[in-house]
Structure formats: C-alpha cells, structure tokens
PDB file of N, CA and C in Angstrom:
ATOM      1  N   MET A   1       0.875  -1.489   0.048  1.00  0.00           N
ATOM      2  CA  MET A   1       0.168   0.105  -0.337  1.00  0.00           C
ATOM      3  C   MET A   1       0.952   0.962   0.337  1.00  0.00           C
ATOM      4  N   ILE A   2       0.857   2.196  -1.169  1.00  0.00           N
ATOM      5  CA  ILE A   2       1.088   3.325  -1.066  1.00  0.00           C
ATOM      6  C   ILE A   2       0.451   4.811  -0.097  1.00  0.00           C
ATOM      7  N   GLU A   3       1.816   5.072   0.663  1.00  0.00           N
ATOM      8  CA  GLU A   3       1.067   5.986   1.302  1.00  0.00           C
ATOM      9  C   GLU A   3       1.926   7.106   1.069  1.00  0.00           C
ATOM     10  N   SER A   4       1.824   8.024   1.280  1.00  0.00           N
ATOM     11  CA  SER A   4       2.769   9.740   1.574  1.00  0.00           C
ATOM     12  C   SER A   4       2.007  10.503   2.709  1.00  0.00           C
ATOM     13  N   ALA A   5       3.638  11.177   2.744  1.00  0.00           N
ATOM     14  CA  ALA A   5       3.375  11.987   4.054  1.00  0.00           C
ATOM     15  C   ALA A   5       4.307  13.667   3.778  1.00  0.00           C
ATOM     16  N   SER A   6       3.668  14.632   3.827  1.00  0.00           N
ATOM     17  CA  SER A   6       4.309  15.900   4.629  1.00  0.00           C
ATOM     18  C   SER A   6       5.004  15.859   5.524  1.00  0.00           C
ATOM     19  N   LEU A   7       6.124  15.960   5.431  1.00  0.00           N
ATOM     20  CA  LEU A   7       7.372  16.582   7.021  1.00  0.00           C
ATOM     21  C   LEU A   7       7.932  18.294   7.165  1.00  0.00           C
ATOM     22  N   THR A   8       7.425  18.991   7.915  1.00  0.00           N
ATOM     23  CA  THR A   8       8.460  19.976   8.489  1.00  0.00           C
ATOM     24  C   THR A   8       9.629  19.549   8.320  1.00  0.00           C
ATOM     25  N   VAL A   9      10.483  19.370   7.811  1.00  0.00           N
ATOM     26  CA  VAL A   9      12.090  19.484   8.178  1.00  0.00           C
ATOM     27  C   VAL A   9      13.009  20.993   8.884  1.00  0.00           C
ATOM     28  N   THR A  10      13.525  21.236   9.849  1.00  0.00           N
ATOM     29  CA  THR A  10      14.371  22.432  10.117  1.00  0.00           C
ATOM     30  C   THR A  10      16.089  22.027   9.794  1.00  0.00           C
ATOM     31  N   GLY A  11      16.122  22.930  10.108  1.00  0.00           N
ATOM     32  CA  GLY A  11      17.483  22.535   9.836  1.00  0.00           C
ATOM     33  C   GLY A  11      17.946  22.781   8.714  1.00  0.00           C
ATOM     34  N   MET A  12      17.584  22.491   6.895  1.00  0.00           N
ATOM     35  CA  MET A  12      17.790  22.310   6.216  1.00  0.00           C
ATOM     36  C   MET A  12      18.132  23.787   5.782  1.00  0.00           C
ATOM     37  N   LYS A  13      19.501  24.357   4.958  1.00  0.00           N
ATOM     38  CA  LYS A  13      20.035  25.822   4.435  1.00  0.00           C
ATOM     39  C   LYS A  13      20.168  25.933   3.248  1.00  0.00           C
ATOM     40  N   CYS A  14      20.176  24.657   2.614  1.00  0.00           N
ATOM     41  CA  CYS A  14      20.575  24.886   1.246  1.00  0.00           C
ATOM     42  C   CYS A  14      20.464  23.527   0.378  1.00  0.00           C
ATOM     43  N   GLY A  15      20.622  23.381  -1.137  1.00  0.00           N
ATOM     44  CA  GLY A  15      20.550  22.264  -2.373  1.00  0.00           C
ATOM     45  C   GLY A  15      21.029  20.984  -1.741  1.00  0.00           C
ATOM     46  N   GLY A  16      22.189  21.531  -1.315  1.00  0.00           N
ATOM     47  CA  GLY A  16      23.275  20.510  -0.607  1.00  0.00           C
ATOM     48  C   GLY A  16      22.420  19.684   0.993  1.00  0.00           C
ATOM     49  N   CYS A  17      21.356  20.558   1.661  1.00  0.00           N
ATOM     50  CA  CYS A  17      20.508  19.761   2.365  1.00  0.00           C
ATOM     51  C   CYS A  17      19.535  19.027   2.126  1.00  0.00           C
ATOM     52  N   GLU A  18      19.071  19.047   1.125  1.00  0.00           N
ATOM     53  CA  GLU A  18      17.951  18.802   0.232  1.00  0.00           C
ATOM     54  C   GLU A  18      18.570  17.687  -0.389  1.00  0.00           C
ATOM     55  N   ASN A  19      19.957  17.396  -0.487  1.00  0.00           N
ATOM     56  CA  ASN A  19      20.606  15.951  -1.615  1.00  0.00           C
ATOM     57  C   ASN A  19      20.732  15.274  -0.513  1.00  0.00           C
ATOM     58  N   ILE A  20      21.466  15.686   0.329  1.00  0.00           N
ATOM     59  CA  ILE A  20      21.420  14.920   1.718  1.00  0.00           C
ATOM     60  C   ILE A  20      20.253  13.995   2.366  1.00  0.00           C
ATOM     61  N   VAL A  21      19.153  14.520   2.582  1.00  0.00           N
ATOM     62  CA  VAL A  21      17.939  14.034   3.248  1.00  0.00           C
ATOM     63  C   VAL A  21      17.065  13.002   1.722  1.00  0.00           C
ATOM     64  N   THR A  22      17.343  13.384   0.569  1.00  0.00           N
ATOM     65  CA  THR A  22      16.809  13.492  -0.288  1.00  0.00           C
ATOM     66  C   THR A  22      17.595  12.078  -0.821  1.00  0.00           C
ATOM     67  N   ALA A  23      18.692  11.953  -0.912  1.00  0.00           N
ATOM     68  CA  ALA A  23      19.065  10.701  -1.395  1.00  0.00           C
ATOM     69  C   ALA A  23      19.355   9.932  -0.111  1.00  0.00           C
ATOM     70  N   LYS A  24      18.888  10.014   0.987  1.00  0.00           N
ATOM     71  CA  LYS A  24      19.354   9.225   2.322  1.00  0.00           C
ATOM     72  C   LYS A  24      17.271   8.540   2.339  1.00  0.00           C
ATOM     73  N   LEU A  25      17.085   9.094   1.711  1.00  0.00           N
ATOM     74  CA  LEU A  25      15.160   8.497   2.087  1.00  0.00           C
ATOM     75  C   LEU A  25      15.334   7.080   0.303  1.00  0.00           C
ATOM     76  N   LYS A  26      15.889   8.464  -0.473  1.00  0.00           N
ATOM     77  CA  LYS A  26      15.578   7.656  -1.983  1.00  0.00           C
ATOM     78  C   LYS A  26      16.443   5.821  -1.584  1.00  0.00           C
ATOM     79  N   GLY A  27      17.440   5.988  -0.894  1.00  0.00           N
ATOM     80  CA  GLY A  27      18.077   4.957  -0.188  1.00  0.00           C
ATOM     81  C   GLY A  27      17.834   3.481   0.425  1.00  0.00           C
ATOM     82  N   MET A  28      16.050   3.773   0.620  1.00  0.00           N
ATOM     83  CA  MET A  28      15.799   3.086   1.538  1.00  0.00           C
ATOM     84  C   MET A  28      14.985   2.453   1.342  1.00  0.00           C
ATOM     85  N   ASP A  29      14.946   1.160   1.305  1.00  0.00           N
ATOM     86  CA  ASP A  29      13.672   0.479   0.921  1.00  0.00           C
ATOM     87  C   ASP A  29      12.191   0.576   1.010  1.00  0.00           C
ATOM     88  N   GLY A  30      11.215   0.599   0.049  1.00  0.00           N
ATOM     89  CA  GLY A  30       9.843   1.103   0.282  1.00  0.00           C
ATOM     90  C   GLY A  30       9.711   2.396   0.002  1.00  0.00           C
ATOM     91  N   VAL A  31      10.569   3.335  -0.415  1.00  0.00           N
ATOM     92  CA  VAL A  31      10.486   4.587  -0.304  1.00  0.00           C
ATOM     93  C   VAL A  31      10.387   4.767  -1.936  1.00  0.00           C
ATOM     94  N   LYS A  32       9.253   5.467  -2.569  1.00  0.00           N
ATOM     95  CA  LYS A  32       9.002   5.203  -4.013  1.00  0.00           C
ATOM     96  C   LYS A  32       9.789   6.819  -4.827  1.00  0.00           C
ATOM     97  N   SER A  33       9.325   7.625  -3.689  1.00  0.00           N
ATOM     98  CA  SER A  33      10.128   9.321  -4.073  1.00  0.00           C
ATOM     99  C   SER A  33      10.039  10.195  -2.862  1.00  0.00           C
ATOM    100  N   ALA A  34      10.501  10.943  -3.167  1.00  0.00           N
ATOM    101  CA  ALA A  34      11.131  12.137  -2.004  1.00  0.00           C
ATOM    102  C   ALA A  34      12.105  13.656  -2.493  1.00  0.00           C
ATOM    103  N   VAL A  35      10.643  14.188  -1.491  1.00  0.00           N
ATOM    104  CA  VAL A  35      11.726  15.691  -2.439  1.00  0.00           C
ATOM    105  C   VAL A  35      11.838  16.280  -1.081  1.00  0.00           C
ATOM    106  N   ALA A  36      12.730  17.305  -1.140  1.00  0.00           N
ATOM    107  CA  ALA A  36      13.304  18.124   0.022  1.00  0.00           C
ATOM    108  C   ALA A  36      13.274  19.515  -0.220  1.00  0.00           C
ATOM    109  N   SER A  37      12.748  20.561   0.404  1.00  0.00           N
ATOM    110  CA  SER A  37      13.195  21.549   0.317  1.00  0.00           C
ATOM    111  C   SER A  37      13.078  22.221   1.391  1.00  0.00           C
ATOM    112  N   SER A  38      14.645  23.040   1.069  1.00  0.00           N
ATOM    113  CA  SER A  38      14.969  23.794   2.328  1.00  0.00           C
ATOM    114  C   SER A  38      14.160  24.892   2.217  1.00  0.00           C
ATOM    115  N   LYS A  39      14.150  25.949   1.034  1.00  0.00           N
ATOM    116  CA  LYS A  39      13.408  27.437   1.235  1.00  0.00           C
ATOM    117  C   LYS A  39      12.019  26.869   2.407  1.00  0.00           C
ATOM    118  N   ASP A  40      10.911  25.792   1.610  1.00  0.00           N
ATOM    119  CA  ASP A  40      10.242  25.766   2.743  1.00  0.00           C
ATOM    120  C   ASP A  40       9.774  24.610   3.771  1.00  0.00           C
ATOM    121  N   LYS A  41      10.983  24.037   3.577  1.00  0.00           N
ATOM    122  CA  LYS A  41      11.396  23.057   4.981  1.00  0.00           C
ATOM    123  C   LYS A  41      10.387  22.004   5.318  1.00  0.00           C
ATOM    124  N   ALA A  42      10.794  21.816   4.777  1.00  0.00           N
ATOM    125  CA  ALA A  42       9.333  20.335   3.642  1.00  0.00           C
ATOM    126  C   ALA A  42      10.041  19.303   3.313  1.00  0.00           C
ATOM    127  N   VAL A  43       9.971  18.290   3.467  1.00  0.00           N
ATOM    128  CA  VAL A  43      10.141  16.711   2.790  1.00  0.00           C
ATOM    129  C   VAL A  43       8.812  16.282   2.230  1.00  0.00           C
ATOM    130  N   LYS A  44       8.194  15.444   1.187  1.00  0.00           N
ATOM    131  CA  LYS A  44       7.530  15.032   0.890  1.00  0.00           C
ATOM    132  C   LYS A  44       7.202  13.367   0.128  1.00  0.00           C
ATOM    133  N   VAL A  45       6.819  12.414   0.882  1.00  0.00           N
ATOM    134  CA  VAL A  45       7.621  11.125   0.750  1.00  0.00           C
ATOM    135  C   VAL A  45       6.697  10.371   0.475  1.00  0.00           C
ATOM    136  N   GLU A  46       6.654   9.685  -0.531  1.00  0.00           N
ATOM    137  CA  GLU A  46       5.754   8.477  -0.950  1.00  0.00           C
ATOM    138  C   GLU A  46       6.451   7.010  -0.767  1.00  0.00           C
ATOM    139  N   PHE A  47       5.425   6.129  -0.053  1.00  0.00           N
ATOM    140  CA  PHE A  47       6.655   4.774   0.778  1.00  0.00           C
ATOM    141  C   PHE A  47       5.652   3.635   0.616  1.00  0.00           C
ATOM    142  N   ASP A  48       5.720   3.027   0.688  1.00  0.00           N
ATOM    143  CA  ASP A  48       5.127   1.394   0.637  1.00  0.00           C
ATOM    144  C   ASP A  48       5.769   0.965   2.103  1.00  0.00           C
ATOM    145  N   ALA A  49       3.596   1.072   2.573  1.00  0.00           N
ATOM    146  CA  ALA A  49       3.737   0.858   4.119  1.00  0.00           C
ATOM    147  C   ALA A  49       3.738  -0.812   4.346  1.00  0.00           C
ATOM    148  N   THR A  50       4.086  -1.379   3.369  1.00  0.00           N
ATOM    149  CA  THR A  50       4.333  -2.536   3.447  1.00  0.00           C
ATOM    150  C   THR A  50       5.421  -3.044   3.565  1.00  0.00           C
ATOM    151  N   LYS A  51       6.588  -2.455   3.405  1.00  0.00           N
ATOM    152  CA  LYS A  51       8.166  -2.525   3.189  1.00  0.00           C
ATOM    153  C   LYS A  51       9.141  -1.447   4.375  1.00  0.00           C
ATOM    154  N   THR A  52       8.404  -0.256   4.965  1.00  0.00           N
ATOM    155  CA  THR A  52       8.977   0.671   5.510  1.00  0.00           C
ATOM    156  C   THR A  52       7.407   1.671   6.107  1.00  0.00           C
ATOM    157  N   SER A  53       8.045   2.032   7.383  1.00  0.00           N
ATOM    158  CA  SER A  53       6.978   2.676   8.275  1.00  0.00           C
ATOM    159  C   SER A  53       7.699   4.282   7.765  1.00  0.00           C
ATOM    160  N   LEU A  54       6.593   5.541   8.235  1.00  0.00           N
ATOM    161  CA  LEU A  54       7.112   7.082   8.599  1.00  0.00           C
ATOM    162  C   LEU A  54       7.845   7.086   9.566  1.00  0.00           C
ATOM    163  N   LYS A  55       7.429   6.321  11.296  1.00  0.00           N
ATOM    164  CA  LYS A  55       8.373   6.350  12.035  1.00  0.00           C
ATOM    165  C   LYS A  55       9.906   5.975  11.539  1.00  0.00           C
ATOM    166  N   VAL A  56      10.332   4.930  10.705  1.00  0.00           N
ATOM    167  CA  VAL A  56      11.474   4.993   9.617  1.00  0.00           C
ATOM    168  C   VAL A  56      12.028   6.573   9.178  1.00  0.00           C
ATOM    169  N   ILE A  57      10.978   6.630   8.100  1.00  0.00           N
ATOM    170  CA  ILE A  57      11.330   7.234   7.716  1.00  0.00           C
ATOM    171  C   ILE A  57      11.736   8.783   8.773  1.00  0.00           C
ATOM    172  N   VAL A  58      11.107   8.601  10.064  1.00  0.00           N
ATOM    173  CA  VAL A  58      11.809  10.394  10.720  1.00  0.00           C
ATOM    174  C   VAL A  58      12.645  10.116  11.144  1.00  0.00           C
ATOM    175  N   GLN A  59      13.088   9.301  11.344  1.00  0.00           N
ATOM    176  CA  GLN A  59      14.359   8.329  12.313  1.00  0.00           C
ATOM    177  C   GLN A  59      15.813   8.392  11.142  1.00  0.00           C
ATOM    178  N   ALA A  60      15.259   8.294   9.947  1.00  0.00           N
ATOM    179  CA  ALA A  60      16.324   8.211   8.929  1.00  0.00           C
ATOM    180  C   ALA A  60      16.810   9.936   8.290  1.00  0.00           C
ATOM    181  N   ILE A  61      15.925  10.960   8.506  1.00  0.00           N
ATOM    182  CA  ILE A  61      16.155  12.168   8.259  1.00  0.00           C
ATOM    183  C   ILE A  61      16.700  12.703   9.731  1.00  0.00           C
ATOM    184  N   THR A  62      16.645  12.029  10.702  1.00  0.00           N
ATOM    185  CA  THR A  62      17.082  12.855  12.044  1.00  0.00           C
ATOM    186  C   THR A  62      18.485  12.264  12.065  1.00  0.00           C
ATOM    187  N   GLU A  63      18.129  10.797  11.336  1.00  0.00           N
ATOM    188  CA  GLU A  63      20.436  10.518  11.797  1.00  0.00           C
ATOM    189  C   GLU A  63      21.245  11.828  10.672  1.00  0.00           C
ATOM    190  N   THR A  64      20.401  12.178   9.720  1.00  0.00           N
ATOM    191  CA  THR A  64      21.456  13.174   8.630  1.00  0.00           C
ATOM    192  C   THR A  64      21.196  14.248   9.144  1.00  0.00           C
ATOM    193  N   GLY A  65      20.784  14.590  11.087  1.00  0.00           N
ATOM    194  CA  GLY A  65      21.061  15.889  11.582  1.00  0.00           C
ATOM    195  C   GLY A  65      19.961  16.692  11.650  1.00  0.00           C
ATOM    196  N   TYR A  66      19.069  16.753  10.871  1.00  0.00           N
ATOM    197  CA  TYR A  66      17.628  17.546  11.093  1.00  0.00           C
ATOM    198  C   TYR A  66      16.791  17.454  11.753  1.00  0.00           C
ATOM    199  N   THR A  67      15.831  18.140  12.197  1.00  0.00           N
ATOM    200  CA  THR A  67      15.142  17.728  12.989  1.00  0.00           C
ATOM    201  C   THR A  67      13.754  18.095  12.480  1.00  0.00           C
ATOM    202  N   VAL A  68      12.441  16.542  12.393  1.00  0.00           N
ATOM    203  CA  VAL A  68      11.076  16.545  12.122  1.00  0.00           C
ATOM    204  C   VAL A  68       9.996  17.313  12.676  1.00  0.00           C
ATOM    205  N   PHE A  69       9.825  17.666  12.262  1.00  0.00           N
ATOM    206  CA  PHE A  69       8.298  17.639  12.975  1.00  0.00           C
ATOM    207  C   PHE A  69       7.158  16.715  12.283  1.00  0.00           C
ATOM    208  N   ASP A  70       6.009  15.996  12.368  1.00  0.00           N
ATOM    209  CA  ASP A  70       4.920  15.310  11.471  1.00  0.00           C
ATOM    210  C   ASP A  70       4.044  16.433  11.479  1.00  0.00           C
ATOM    211  N   ASP A  71       3.373  16.409  10.405  1.00  0.00           N
ATOM    212  CA  ASP A  71       2.055  16.869   9.660  1.00  0.00           C
ATOM    213  C   ASP A  71       1.548  16.002  10.035  1.00  0.00           C
ATOM    214  N   ASN A  72       1.599  15.223   9.473  1.00  0.00           N
ATOM    215  CA  ASN A  72       0.225  13.935   9.407  1.00  0.00           C
ATOM    216  C   ASN A  72      -0.877  13.918  10.415  1.00  0.00           C
TER     217      ASN A  72
END
C-alpha cells in the first residue's frame, strides 16, 4: 500500500542539505519518491507501507542531522 506524507524539517539551509535528505530516503527500501525543500522546510515522501513506516523515515531524516515535525 503506497502512502504519502508531508513532513516539516528544520535545519536544511541549501540544496546540499536537500540532496543529503533526498539521497538518504531514496536509498531506503520501500521509499518510492522523496522531495526535500529547504525553502519550504519540507520533505514530501511516498512509500510502500508494507516495506517501511513513517517512523523509520522520520528516524532516517533525524539521523542526517535535521529536526522533523510530523504534519500528518
């Protein structure tokens, strides 16, 4: 089952930050797409809920050094 989530992520300052978060998420099993925006302080992600969870995705973003607020 494909789910989508919009997360508020603080600490991203530039395109490099966006790339770090996007690469981390796209490398995860079950993540179908990920778009990070430092301007909007947001990450939008689509994932297969049978392979990963929003909790695991949030943890992965946190591990890259950014703070996540779940808007869902």
